[in-house]
């Protein structure tokens, strides 16, 4: 019996840009690296790519609390450095930049002054476990994951919904073993969440009462040293999954059928991605092992984010 779906197209990514030696913290110690990498030397760990309206790609460096911006030509500049562990970064329709910070909570970056301030530091005085990634819905609502050290040994990671204007904060689910990247579907009724330590992507339907009901398993992966990390959405409501630790990015249709897979030409740390390019079909990928930004042309376009550009 023939398989009912064609094999996914294999796409070899290219290097768009890479951190120059002047921006690599070679030889510098980081508390994050001491704990996460058991003292192994780390000169950077890139994550959180997001485009602004001018086509600049913003991204973060977790262990050294740095925010970078790459021009459309790939020239990288350091925007700011602060005391934190920035992991996810997204830009809203008004140009506000929000950062999911594992140390401090949800932060705000003023692009005019490069000043970073706390936007949401706790949940009603309770500290977060460690915020990981975020997504901004079309109405400006911010969804974020609170991962910390959760995993199969402690499935207590949380997914929150927060309205930055009213201040309302709702915990949508609190039993996730390592929630990571997340994205809302085109209808606004379903939230997809990467569950790294379970090597899976969960599907969280949001009811009319704004509660998560009938949460289920959408995609199951295997192998690698980590699992699904950053997510993005295509214009066709398909889900793009960065499988960090495998050096792959999977592109699925809305039913979860893989239609393409992007392979890294550098390391295995394909942590997160964002759509860009003139037709929205170019996928830009942070590759943490080499400190590079990869790019690949996809057969489908990405859904524009709240900023109006890319994913």
Protein backbone atom coordinates (compact mmCIF):
# COMPACT_ATOMS: atom_id res chain seq x y z
CA UNK A 1 0.00 0.00 0.00
CA UNK A 2 1.42 3.38 -1.01
CA UNK A 3 1.84 6.12 1.59
CA UNK A 4 -1.10 8.54 1.14
CA UNK A 5 1.11 11.66 1.21
CA UNK A 6 4.21 12.52 -0.82
CA UNK A 7 7.56 12.73 0.92
CA UNK A 8 8.43 16.20 2.24
CA UNK A 9 10.72 18.28 0.05
CA UNK A 10 14.27 18.51 1.42
CA UNK A 11 15.59 22.08 1.41
CA UNK A 12 19.20 22.95 2.21
CA UNK A 13 19.41 26.21 4.14
CA UNK A 14 22.09 28.83 3.49
CA UNK A 15 23.90 31.16 5.88
CA UNK A 16 22.31 34.63 5.80
CA UNK A 17 24.68 36.16 8.34
CA UNK A 18 26.77 35.19 11.33
CA UNK A 19 27.99 36.94 14.45
CA UNK A 20 31.36 38.54 13.68
CA UNK A 21 34.31 37.87 16.02
CA UNK A 22 33.89 41.34 17.55
CA UNK A 23 30.44 40.38 18.86
CA UNK A 24 31.35 36.95 20.19
CA UNK A 25 32.05 36.80 23.91
CA UNK A 26 34.94 34.39 23.54
CA UNK A 27 36.50 33.49 26.86
CA UNK A 28 33.83 35.22 28.95
CA UNK A 29 31.98 33.27 31.63
CA UNK A 30 28.22 33.23 31.84
CA UNK A 31 26.11 31.99 34.75
CA UNK A 32 23.61 30.69 32.18
CA UNK A 33 26.31 28.68 30.41
CA UNK A 34 27.76 27.42 33.68
CA UNK A 35 24.36 25.98 34.60
CA UNK A 36 23.02 25.00 31.17
CA UNK A 37 26.28 23.83 29.58
CA UNK A 38 28.11 22.67 32.74
CA UNK A 39 30.80 25.28 32.27
CA UNK A 40 31.48 24.58 28.60
CA UNK A 41 32.60 27.73 26.75
CA UNK A 42 29.76 29.57 25.01
CA UNK A 43 30.33 32.78 23.04
CA UNK A 44 26.62 33.23 22.20
CA UNK A 45 23.28 31.41 22.02
CA UNK A 46 20.94 32.97 19.49
CA UNK A 47 17.14 32.87 19.71
CA UNK A 48 13.97 34.93 19.22
CA UNK A 49 14.09 36.21 15.60
CA UNK A 50 11.45 38.81 14.66
CA UNK A 51 11.18 41.39 11.88
CA UNK A 52 10.28 45.05 12.24
CA UNK A 53 8.47 47.09 9.57
CA UNK A 54 11.75 48.24 8.03
CA UNK A 55 12.76 44.64 7.37
CA UNK A 56 15.39 44.49 10.10
CA UNK A 57 15.70 41.16 11.88
CA UNK A 58 15.87 41.41 15.67
CA UNK A 59 17.18 38.49 17.72
CA UNK A 60 18.55 37.73 21.17
CA UNK A 61 21.61 36.20 22.81
CA UNK A 62 20.46 34.38 25.95
CA UNK A 63 23.61 33.88 28.08
CA UNK A 64 24.86 37.46 27.80
CA UNK A 65 21.56 39.37 27.86
CA UNK A 66 22.08 40.93 24.46
CA UNK A 67 19.65 42.14 21.79
CA UNK A 68 20.86 42.34 18.20
CA UNK A 69 19.49 43.75 14.98
CA UNK A 70 20.48 42.61 11.49
CA UNK A 71 19.86 44.83 8.48
CA UNK A 72 18.28 43.41 5.30
CA UNK A 73 21.86 43.01 4.03
CA UNK A 74 22.84 40.98 7.08
CA UNK A 75 24.91 43.60 8.91
CA UNK A 76 24.59 42.95 12.66
CA UNK A 77 24.64 45.58 15.37
CA UNK A 78 24.33 45.29 19.13
CA UNK A 79 21.23 47.21 20.23
CA UNK A 80 21.52 46.76 23.98
CA UNK A 81 22.77 44.52 26.78
CA UNK A 82 21.10 44.12 30.16
CA UNK A 83 20.98 41.83 33.20
CA UNK A 84 18.74 39.03 31.99
CA UNK A 85 18.28 35.91 29.89
CA UNK A 86 16.26 37.04 26.84
CA UNK A 87 14.80 34.06 25.01
CA UNK A 88 11.83 35.10 22.84
CA UNK A 89 11.25 38.45 21.13
CA UNK A 90 8.19 39.79 19.29
CA UNK A 91 7.10 43.19 17.95
CA UNK A 92 3.50 44.39 18.13
CA UNK A 93 1.49 46.50 15.67
CA UNK A 94 2.57 49.71 17.43
CA UNK A 95 6.25 48.85 17.22
CA UNK A 96 6.56 47.88 20.89
CA UNK A 97 9.11 45.13 21.44
CA UNK A 98 8.37 42.45 24.05
CA UNK A 99 10.92 39.94 25.34
CA UNK A 100 10.32 36.67 27.15
CA UNK A 101 13.13 36.62 29.70
CA UNK A 102 13.91 33.49 31.71
CA UNK A 103 15.30 35.56 34.58
CA UNK A 104 13.00 38.58 34.76
CA UNK A 105 9.65 37.74 33.14
CA UNK A 106 8.21 39.71 30.23
CA UNK A 107 10.31 42.73 29.33
CA UNK A 108 9.74 45.73 27.07
CA UNK A 109 12.40 47.25 24.82
CA UNK A 110 12.05 50.80 23.54
CA UNK A 111 13.62 50.74 20.05
CA UNK A 112 14.18 54.52 20.17
CA UNK A 113 16.25 54.52 23.37
CA UNK A 114 17.30 50.82 23.58
CA UNK A 115 16.10 50.85 27.18
CA UNK A 116 14.81 47.53 28.60
CA UNK A 117 12.20 47.65 31.37
CA UNK A 118 9.99 45.10 33.12
CA UNK A 119 6.52 44.83 31.60
CA UNK A 120 5.27 41.86 33.62
CA UNK A 121 7.54 40.55 36.35
CA UNK A 122 5.23 38.12 38.15
CA UNK A 123 1.81 36.49 38.25
CA UNK A 124 0.03 38.23 41.14
CA UNK A 125 3.29 38.33 43.16
CA UNK A 126 4.21 34.72 42.31
CA UNK A 127 7.48 34.47 40.40
CA UNK A 128 7.52 32.85 36.99
CA UNK A 129 9.46 29.62 36.55
CA UNK A 130 11.33 31.08 33.60
CA UNK A 131 9.60 32.67 30.61
CA UNK A 132 10.67 31.20 27.29
CA UNK A 133 8.82 32.44 24.21
CA UNK A 134 5.87 34.62 23.25
CA UNK A 135 3.37 35.31 20.49
CA UNK A 136 1.25 38.40 19.86
CA UNK A 137 -2.28 37.87 18.57
CA UNK A 138 -3.97 40.15 16.02
CA UNK A 139 -5.80 42.03 18.81
CA UNK A 140 -2.56 42.72 20.69
CA UNK A 141 -3.04 39.96 23.27
CA UNK A 142 0.26 38.43 24.30
CA UNK A 143 0.64 34.66 24.80
CA UNK A 144 3.76 33.33 26.49
CA UNK A 145 5.25 30.15 27.89
CA UNK A 146 6.66 29.75 31.40
CA UNK A 147 9.08 26.86 31.05
CA UNK A 148 11.73 27.04 33.74
CA UNK A 149 13.29 23.63 34.45
CA UNK A 150 10.10 21.69 33.77
CA UNK A 151 10.16 18.45 31.81
CA UNK A 152 8.95 14.88 32.05
CA UNK A 153 10.19 14.84 35.66
CA UNK A 154 8.09 17.94 36.46
CA UNK A 155 5.21 18.56 34.02
CA UNK A 156 4.18 21.88 35.54
CA UNK A 157 5.09 24.34 32.80
CA UNK A 158 2.52 27.02 32.08
CA UNK A 159 1.06 28.93 29.15
CA UNK A 160 -0.29 32.41 29.87
CA UNK A 161 -2.42 34.95 28.04
CA UNK A 162 -1.83 38.61 28.93
CA UNK A 163 -3.41 41.86 27.77
CA UNK A 164 -0.68 44.52 28.09
CA UNK A 165 -3.26 47.34 28.00
CA UNK A 166 -5.77 46.10 30.58
CA UNK A 167 -3.26 44.08 32.60
CA UNK A 168 -5.46 40.97 32.65
CA UNK A 169 -3.44 37.77 33.03
CA UNK A 170 -4.86 34.25 32.56
CA UNK A 171 -3.11 30.93 33.00
CA UNK A 172 -4.44 28.77 30.15
CA UNK A 173 -2.74 25.50 31.11
CA UNK A 174 -0.32 24.49 33.88
CA UNK A 175 0.72 20.88 33.26
CA UNK A 176 3.09 21.13 30.30
CA UNK A 177 6.48 19.33 30.44
CA UNK A 178 8.66 22.15 29.06
CA UNK A 179 6.49 24.56 27.04
CA UNK A 180 8.53 26.49 24.49
CA UNK A 181 7.57 28.19 21.22
CA UNK A 182 3.93 28.96 20.52
CA UNK A 183 1.71 30.37 17.79
CA UNK A 184 -2.00 31.11 17.37
CA UNK A 185 -3.77 29.75 14.28
CA UNK A 186 -5.45 32.01 11.72
CA UNK A 187 -8.89 31.64 13.34
CA UNK A 188 -7.57 32.67 16.75
CA UNK A 189 -9.24 29.59 18.24
CA UNK A 190 -6.27 27.23 18.52
CA UNK A 191 -2.89 27.69 20.15
CA UNK A 192 -0.01 25.43 19.14
CA UNK A 193 2.73 24.94 21.75
CA UNK A 194 6.12 23.26 21.34
CA UNK A 195 6.67 20.86 24.25
CA UNK A 196 10.40 20.38 24.06
CA UNK A 197 11.08 17.64 26.63
CA UNK A 198 8.15 15.56 25.37
CA UNK A 199 9.48 15.97 21.80
CA UNK A 200 6.04 17.11 20.71
CA UNK A 201 3.74 19.92 19.67
CA UNK A 202 0.45 20.26 21.55
CA UNK A 203 -2.79 21.65 20.16
CA UNK A 204 -4.72 23.82 22.64
CA UNK A 205 -8.27 24.74 21.53
CA UNK A 206 -9.50 27.96 23.14
CA UNK A 207 -13.25 27.93 23.82
CA UNK A 208 -15.69 30.85 23.58
CA UNK A 209 -15.28 31.27 27.33
CA UNK A 210 -11.54 31.75 26.66
CA UNK A 211 -10.54 28.53 28.42
CA UNK A 212 -8.36 25.78 26.98
CA UNK A 213 -10.43 22.63 26.45
CA UNK A 214 -9.59 19.22 25.00
CA UNK A 215 -5.85 19.86 24.77
CA UNK A 216 -4.28 17.28 22.53
CA UNK A 217 -1.13 16.02 20.85
CA UNK A 218 -0.73 17.52 17.36
CA UNK A 219 2.75 16.36 16.33
CA UNK A 220 5.13 13.79 17.80
CA UNK A 221 8.84 13.81 17.05
CA UNK A 222 11.68 11.47 18.01
CA UNK A 223 15.42 11.56 18.43
CA UNK A 224 17.75 14.52 18.81
CA UNK A 225 19.27 16.10 21.89
CA UNK A 226 16.31 18.39 22.64
CA UNK A 227 13.07 18.67 20.65
CA UNK A 228 10.64 21.18 19.14
CA UNK A 229 11.60 24.76 19.95
CA UNK A 230 10.38 27.80 18.02
CA UNK A 231 7.18 27.73 15.95
CA UNK A 232 5.80 29.78 13.07
CA UNK A 233 2.61 29.71 11.03
CA UNK A 234 2.13 29.64 7.26
CA UNK A 235 -0.55 31.58 5.38
CA UNK A 236 -2.29 28.23 4.84
CA UNK A 237 -2.50 27.67 8.62
CA UNK A 238 0.35 25.17 8.56
CA UNK A 239 2.77 24.85 11.46
CA UNK A 240 6.54 25.29 11.10
CA UNK A 241 8.59 23.57 13.81
CA UNK A 242 12.25 24.14 14.64
CA UNK A 243 13.58 20.79 15.87
CA UNK A 244 16.62 21.91 17.78
CA UNK A 245 19.21 19.25 18.44
CA UNK A 246 18.53 17.76 15.00
CA UNK A 247 19.44 20.77 12.85
CA UNK A 248 16.05 20.60 11.13
CA UNK A 249 12.99 22.79 10.58
CA UNK A 250 9.79 20.97 9.61
CA UNK A 251 7.05 22.61 7.55
CA UNK A 252 3.57 21.07 7.94
CA UNK A 253 0.18 21.75 6.40
CA UNK A 254 -2.80 22.51 8.64
CA UNK A 255 -3.45 18.80 9.17
CA UNK A 256 0.09 18.23 10.39
CA UNK A 257 1.35 16.52 7.24
CA UNK A 258 5.03 17.39 6.61
CA UNK A 259 5.44 19.08 3.23
CA UNK A 260 9.04 20.24 3.54
CA UNK A 261 12.03 19.93 5.84
CA UNK A 262 14.88 22.45 6.03
CA UNK A 263 18.35 21.13 6.89
CA UNK A 264 20.99 23.28 8.56
CA UNK A 265 24.37 23.52 6.79
CA UNK A 266 26.04 24.43 10.11
CA UNK A 267 25.19 23.11 13.59
CA UNK A 268 22.23 21.27 15.06
CA UNK A 269 20.90 24.20 17.12
CA UNK A 270 17.97 25.32 14.96
CA UNK A 271 16.22 27.15 17.79
CA UNK A 272 13.67 29.50 16.22
CA UNK A 273 12.50 31.03 12.96
CA UNK A 274 10.74 33.97 11.31
CA UNK A 275 9.27 34.50 7.85
CA UNK A 276 10.54 37.39 5.76
CA UNK A 277 11.60 38.27 2.24
CA UNK A 278 9.66 40.20 -0.43
CA UNK A 279 7.01 37.47 -0.81
CA UNK A 280 7.12 36.21 2.78
CA UNK A 281 8.48 32.85 1.63
CA UNK A 282 11.98 33.16 3.06
CA UNK A 283 12.41 31.48 6.43
CA UNK A 284 15.15 32.91 8.66
CA UNK A 285 16.44 30.53 11.34
CA UNK A 286 18.58 31.16 14.41
CA UNK A 287 21.27 28.47 14.63
CA UNK A 288 22.73 28.59 18.14
CA UNK A 289 25.66 26.18 17.71
CA UNK A 290 27.43 28.37 15.15
CA UNK A 291 25.99 31.76 16.11
CA UNK A 292 24.46 32.14 12.67
CA UNK A 293 21.22 33.17 10.98
CA UNK A 294 20.23 30.73 8.25
CA UNK A 295 17.72 31.28 5.45
CA UNK A 296 15.74 29.06 3.13
CA UNK A 297 13.13 29.58 0.41
CA UNK A 298 9.93 27.65 1.19
CA UNK A 299 7.13 26.46 -1.09
CA UNK A 300 4.63 28.32 1.14
CA UNK A 301 4.53 31.85 2.55
CA UNK A 302 4.37 32.77 6.21
CA UNK A 303 1.51 34.52 7.98
CA UNK A 304 2.49 38.12 8.87
CA UNK A 305 2.91 38.82 12.55
CA UNK A 306 1.36 41.63 14.58
CA UNK A 307 4.13 43.98 13.42
CA UNK A 308 2.91 43.49 9.86
CA UNK A 309 6.13 41.85 8.73
CA UNK A 310 7.27 38.27 8.77
CA UNK A 311 6.53 35.66 11.41
